[in-house]
Each structure stands twice: as C-alpha cells, then as structure tokens.
Amino acid sequence: MPLVNMKMSLYLAGPISGLSYYEACNWRIQVREALKDIYEVIDPMRGKSYLSEEQAIQEFYPHTITSGSKAVYTKDRYDVKRCDILLVNLSLMSNGNKSIGTLVEIGMADAWGKFILIIGKPTHPFLTENSVQVSSVEEAIEFLKIQAG
C-alpha cells in the first residue's frame, strides 16, 4: 500500500479581540494563500465572516455558534492540539493588546511539544526559549517553506 503524503498542519495564532475583522484576517489570508499547497492551514477565524463589519472584535459573542466563550476555547484548544506547527503573529500586539488567548495557545503548544514560530521580537524568556522568531509575515512564510522541505 503506498504511503499517503499528508501535509503538516499549521495553526495561525495571534490577537483577534480588539482588532478589526480586516486586521485579524489579513495576515492569515496572506499565509494561507502562500502555503496552502504545502500545509493544512488552520485558521481560528474560519466560520466567522459574520464579524466582517466589526471594527473591534470582542473576546466572545455569547449568542453565536462559533464565537461563544466555550466554542472559542474548545475549538482553539483542539486546533492547537492537532497542529504540527504554531505560527504566532505577535507583531499585532504592539498596540497594547495583550492577547491572553494567544499566550495561552503558546503555553499549550509548548506543553504538547509543538514547533512554535513567532512573528515579532519577544523578550520574555517564556517566549524566546521555546520558539524560533522571525521579523515579518513574509519571513515566516519563507521559513515555513524551507521547514516543509
């Protein structure tokens, strides 16, 4: 029986709440388009086009099927657990957004032995010692192309 060439999975972590829909999605679309033939790209914004008019996305939306607090936590936790690589865009946190969810996702990924690639230049040892850091989305894409071999 021939081996199936399965793609590695890539989870796109980064701030969402407090950002506009465009800000939260734009870099994710760029990564997905550039790497869709190489990776299974897992986007936490999937199924959330109903937020497209939002200028400042809330932490959760209690009356929605994909954005209630339990849905956000369990779906994102599941996605982090099933991914091979966590790509984290911390460059969007420069506006004071602390993105607690993103930091928890990094902690989960680290505990589960996932490869973590961070866009940005964190200085805290909890982020510098468990990951590779790059400066831009474009640099992350190039690194991930090389990583895929």
C-alpha atoms as a PDB file:
ATOM      1  CA  MET A   1       0.000   0.000   0.000  1.00  0.00           C
ATOM      2  CA  PRO A   2       1.515   3.380  -0.976  1.00  0.00           C
ATOM      3  CA  LEU A   3       2.143   5.938   1.695  1.00  0.00           C
ATOM      4  CA  VAL A   4      -0.110   8.957   1.614  1.00  0.00           C
ATOM      5  CA  ASN A   5       1.779  12.233   1.547  1.00  0.00           C
ATOM      6  CA  MET A   6      -0.008  14.087   4.340  1.00  0.00           C
ATOM      7  CA  LYS A   7       0.534  17.785   4.806  1.00  0.00           C
ATOM      8  CA  MET A   8       1.753  19.090   8.128  1.00  0.00           C
ATOM      9  CA  SER A   9      -0.793  21.303   9.854  1.00  0.00           C
ATOM     10  CA  LEU A  10      -0.170  24.937  10.708  1.00  0.00           C
ATOM     11  CA  TYR A  11      -2.261  26.850  13.256  1.00  0.00           C
ATOM     12  CA  LEU A  12      -2.394  30.642  12.865  1.00  0.00           C
ATOM     13  CA  ALA A  13      -2.330  32.113  16.373  1.00  0.00           C
ATOM     14  CA  GLY A  14      -2.390  35.789  17.155  1.00  0.00           C
ATOM     15  CA  PRO A  15      -4.535  38.579  18.503  1.00  0.00           C
ATOM     16  CA  ILE A  16      -8.180  38.769  17.452  1.00  0.00           C
ATOM     17  CA  SER A  17     -10.110  40.663  20.113  1.00  0.00           C
ATOM     18  CA  GLY A  18      -9.731  44.419  19.889  1.00  0.00           C
ATOM     19  CA  LEU A  19      -8.762  44.245  16.206  1.00  0.00           C
ATOM     20  CA  SER A  20     -10.960  44.908  13.205  1.00  0.00           C
ATOM     21  CA  TYR A  21     -12.022  41.888  11.174  1.00  0.00           C
ATOM     22  CA  TYR A  22      -9.614  43.007   8.437  1.00  0.00           C
ATOM     23  CA  GLU A  23      -6.693  43.321  10.874  1.00  0.00           C
ATOM     24  CA  ALA A  24      -7.399  39.899  12.368  1.00  0.00           C
ATOM     25  CA  CYS A  25      -7.758  38.184   8.980  1.00  0.00           C
ATOM     26  CA  ASN A  26      -5.407  39.950   6.573  1.00  0.00           C
ATOM     27  CA  TRP A  27      -2.130  38.299   7.626  1.00  0.00           C
ATOM     28  CA  ARG A  28      -3.893  34.927   7.982  1.00  0.00           C
ATOM     29  CA  ILE A  29      -5.153  35.144   4.393  1.00  0.00           C
ATOM     30  CA  GLN A  30      -1.631  36.019   3.218  1.00  0.00           C
ATOM     31  CA  VAL A  31      -0.157  32.956   4.974  1.00  0.00           C
ATOM     32  CA  ARG A  32      -2.945  30.620   3.851  1.00  0.00           C
ATOM     33  CA  GLU A  33      -2.594  31.674   0.196  1.00  0.00           C
ATOM     34  CA  ALA A  34       1.193  31.344   0.242  1.00  0.00           C
ATOM     35  CA  LEU A  35       1.276  27.948   1.984  1.00  0.00           C
ATOM     36  CA  LYS A  36      -1.988  26.190   1.035  1.00  0.00           C
ATOM     37  CA  ASP A  37      -0.202  23.682  -1.214  1.00  0.00           C
ATOM     38  CA  ILE A  38       2.323  22.800   1.491  1.00  0.00           C
ATOM     39  CA  TYR A  39       0.401  22.902   4.792  1.00  0.00           C
ATOM     40  CA  GLU A  40      -3.068  22.264   6.096  1.00  0.00           C
ATOM     41  CA  VAL A  41      -3.674  25.775   7.403  1.00  0.00           C
ATOM     42  CA  ILE A  42      -5.904  26.004  10.473  1.00  0.00           C
ATOM     43  CA  ASP A  43      -7.411  29.448  10.936  1.00  0.00           C
ATOM     44  CA  PRO A  44      -9.243  30.374  14.164  1.00  0.00           C
ATOM     45  CA  MET A  45     -11.220  32.959  12.138  1.00  0.00           C
ATOM     46  CA  ARG A  46     -12.828  30.304   9.938  1.00  0.00           C
ATOM     47  CA  GLY A  47     -16.602  30.412  10.018  1.00  0.00           C
ATOM     48  CA  LYS A  48     -16.629  33.929  11.429  1.00  0.00           C
ATOM     49  CA  SER A  49     -17.409  36.067   8.390  1.00  0.00           C
ATOM     50  CA  TYR A  50     -20.401  37.411  10.334  1.00  0.00           C
ATOM     51  CA  LEU A  51     -17.813  39.546  12.164  1.00  0.00           C
ATOM     52  CA  SER A  52     -16.755  41.251   8.916  1.00  0.00           C
ATOM     53  CA  GLU A  53     -18.240  44.607   9.907  1.00  0.00           C
ATOM     54  CA  GLU A  54     -16.548  44.649  13.326  1.00  0.00           C
ATOM     55  CA  GLN A  55     -14.025  47.408  13.947  1.00  0.00           C
ATOM     56  CA  ALA A  56     -13.050  45.984  17.355  1.00  0.00           C
ATOM     57  CA  ILE A  57     -13.781  42.272  17.738  1.00  0.00           C
ATOM     58  CA  GLN A  58     -14.951  41.300  21.213  1.00  0.00           C
ATOM     59  CA  GLU A  59     -13.421  38.419  23.201  1.00  0.00           C
ATOM     60  CA  PHE A  60     -16.547  36.350  22.582  1.00  0.00           C
ATOM     61  CA  TYR A  61     -20.094  36.620  21.270  1.00  0.00           C
ATOM     62  CA  PRO A  62     -22.423  34.617  23.533  1.00  0.00           C
ATOM     63  CA  HIS A  63     -25.254  34.183  21.023  1.00  0.00           C
ATOM     64  CA  THR A  64     -23.206  32.677  18.182  1.00  0.00           C
ATOM     65  CA  ILE A  65     -22.317  29.077  17.461  1.00  0.00           C
ATOM     66  CA  THR A  66     -18.596  29.633  16.767  1.00  0.00           C
ATOM     67  CA  SER A  67     -17.802  32.634  18.946  1.00  0.00           C
ATOM     68  CA  GLY A  68     -19.340  31.847  22.327  1.00  0.00           C
ATOM     69  CA  SER A  69     -16.779  31.569  25.126  1.00  0.00           C
ATOM     70  CA  LYS A  70     -16.878  27.749  25.288  1.00  0.00           C
ATOM     71  CA  ALA A  71     -16.727  27.467  21.493  1.00  0.00           C
ATOM     72  CA  VAL A  72     -13.741  29.808  21.252  1.00  0.00           C
ATOM     73  CA  TYR A  73     -11.800  27.975  23.948  1.00  0.00           C
ATOM     74  CA  THR A  74     -12.587  24.381  22.972  1.00  0.00           C
ATOM     75  CA  LYS A  75     -12.154  24.917  19.214  1.00  0.00           C
ATOM     76  CA  ASP A  76      -8.877  26.790  19.579  1.00  0.00           C
ATOM     77  CA  ARG A  77      -7.554  24.289  22.151  1.00  0.00           C
ATOM     78  CA  TYR A  78      -8.457  21.406  19.832  1.00  0.00           C
ATOM     79  CA  ASP A  79      -6.797  23.164  16.894  1.00  0.00           C
ATOM     80  CA  VAL A  80      -3.582  23.783  18.844  1.00  0.00           C
ATOM     81  CA  LYS A  81      -3.526  20.159  19.988  1.00  0.00           C
ATOM     82  CA  ARG A  82      -3.929  18.787  16.455  1.00  0.00           C
ATOM     83  CA  CYS A  83      -1.484  21.109  14.699  1.00  0.00           C
ATOM     84  CA  ASP A  84       2.149  20.333  13.956  1.00  0.00           C
ATOM     85  CA  ILE A  85       3.326  23.948  13.934  1.00  0.00           C
ATOM     86  CA  LEU A  86       2.033  27.013  15.771  1.00  0.00           C
ATOM     87  CA  LEU A  87       2.625  30.225  13.831  1.00  0.00           C
ATOM     88  CA  VAL A  88       2.117  33.177  16.183  1.00  0.00           C
ATOM     89  CA  ASN A  89       1.853  36.756  14.987  1.00  0.00           C
ATOM     90  CA  LEU A  90       2.887  38.851  17.985  1.00  0.00           C
ATOM     91  CA  SER A  91       3.556  41.911  15.835  1.00  0.00           C
ATOM     92  CA  LEU A  92      -0.141  42.798  16.218  1.00  0.00           C
ATOM     93  CA  MET A  93       0.269  43.062  19.985  1.00  0.00           C
ATOM     94  CA  SER A  94       2.280  46.267  19.759  1.00  0.00           C
ATOM     95  CA  ASN A  95      -0.827  48.416  20.182  1.00  0.00           C
ATOM     96  CA  GLY A  96      -1.177  47.375  23.828  1.00  0.00           C
ATOM     97  CA  ASN A  97      -3.277  44.315  23.060  1.00  0.00           C
ATOM     98  CA  LYS A  98      -2.032  41.588  25.444  1.00  0.00           C
ATOM     99  CA  SER A  99      -3.980  38.782  23.708  1.00  0.00           C
ATOM    100  CA  ILE A 100      -4.374  36.422  26.630  1.00  0.00           C
ATOM    101  CA  GLY A 101      -5.768  33.734  24.328  1.00  0.00           C
ATOM    102  CA  THR A 102      -2.671  33.807  22.142  1.00  0.00           C
ATOM    103  CA  LEU A 103      -0.387  33.488  25.166  1.00  0.00           C
ATOM    104  CA  VAL A 104      -2.398  30.510  26.435  1.00  0.00           C
ATOM    105  CA  GLU A 105      -2.181  28.899  22.979  1.00  0.00           C
ATOM    106  CA  ILE A 106       1.611  29.296  23.088  1.00  0.00           C
ATOM    107  CA  GLY A 107       1.685  27.649  26.520  1.00  0.00           C
ATOM    108  CA  MET A 108      -0.458  24.745  25.333  1.00  0.00           C
ATOM    109  CA  ALA A 109       1.657  24.289  22.202  1.00  0.00           C
ATOM    110  CA  ASP A 110       4.826  24.279  24.286  1.00  0.00           C
ATOM    111  CA  ALA A 111       3.372  21.728  26.729  1.00  0.00           C
ATOM    112  CA  TRP A 112       2.363  19.477  23.820  1.00  0.00           C
ATOM    113  CA  GLY A 113       5.792  19.716  22.157  1.00  0.00           C
ATOM    114  CA  LYS A 114       4.683  21.671  19.093  1.00  0.00           C
ATOM    115  CA  PHE A 115       7.103  23.629  16.933  1.00  0.00           C
ATOM    116  CA  ILE A 116       6.484  27.334  17.626  1.00  0.00           C
ATOM    117  CA  LEU A 117       7.369  30.079  15.150  1.00  0.00           C
ATOM    118  CA  ILE A 118       6.802  33.653  16.336  1.00  0.00           C
ATOM    119  CA  ILE A 119       6.484  36.741  14.151  1.00  0.00           C
ATOM    120  CA  GLY A 120       7.862  39.579  16.256  1.00  0.00           C
ATOM    121  CA  LYS A 121      10.665  40.024  18.711  1.00  0.00           C
ATOM    122  CA  PRO A 122       9.521  38.933  22.167  1.00  0.00           C
ATOM    123  CA  THR A 123      11.921  39.491  25.042  1.00  0.00           C
ATOM    124  CA  HIS A 124      10.382  37.369  27.789  1.00  0.00           C
ATOM    125  CA  PRO A 125      12.177  34.009  28.283  1.00  0.00           C
ATOM    126  CA  PHE A 126       8.834  32.153  28.201  1.00  0.00           C
ATOM    127  CA  LEU A 127       8.596  33.224  24.557  1.00  0.00           C
ATOM    128  CA  THR A 128      12.230  33.343  23.479  1.00  0.00           C
ATOM    129  CA  GLU A 129      13.343  29.974  24.803  1.00  0.00           C
ATOM    130  CA  ASN A 130      10.598  27.798  23.297  1.00  0.00           C
ATOM    131  CA  SER A 131      10.369  29.215  19.788  1.00  0.00           C
ATOM    132  CA  VAL A 132      12.046  30.467  16.656  1.00  0.00           C
ATOM    133  CA  GLN A 133      11.485  34.171  15.989  1.00  0.00           C
ATOM    134  CA  VAL A 134      11.247  35.979  12.661  1.00  0.00           C
ATOM    135  CA  SER A 135      10.602  39.634  11.879  1.00  0.00           C
ATOM    136  CA  SER A 136       7.733  39.545   9.393  1.00  0.00           C
ATOM    137  CA  VAL A 137       4.921  37.505   7.889  1.00  0.00           C
ATOM    138  CA  GLU A 138       6.967  37.210   4.692  1.00  0.00           C
ATOM    139  CA  GLU A 139       9.971  35.858   6.606  1.00  0.00           C
ATOM    140  CA  ALA A 140       7.714  33.355   8.387  1.00  0.00           C
ATOM    141  CA  ILE A 141       6.355  32.150   5.039  1.00  0.00           C
ATOM    142  CA  GLU A 142       9.872  31.636   3.678  1.00  0.00           C
ATOM    143  CA  PHE A 143      10.960  29.815   6.842  1.00  0.00           C
ATOM    144  CA  LEU A 144       7.905  27.537   6.681  1.00  0.00           C
ATOM    145  CA  LYS A 145       8.567  26.710   3.033  1.00  0.00           C
ATOM    146  CA  ILE A 146      12.074  25.623   3.981  1.00  0.00           C
ATOM    147  CA  GLN A 147      10.795  23.743   7.042  1.00  0.00           C
ATOM    148  CA  ALA A 148       8.413  21.718   4.866  1.00  0.00           C
ATOM    149  CA  GLY A 149      11.415  20.515   2.889  1.00  0.00           C
END
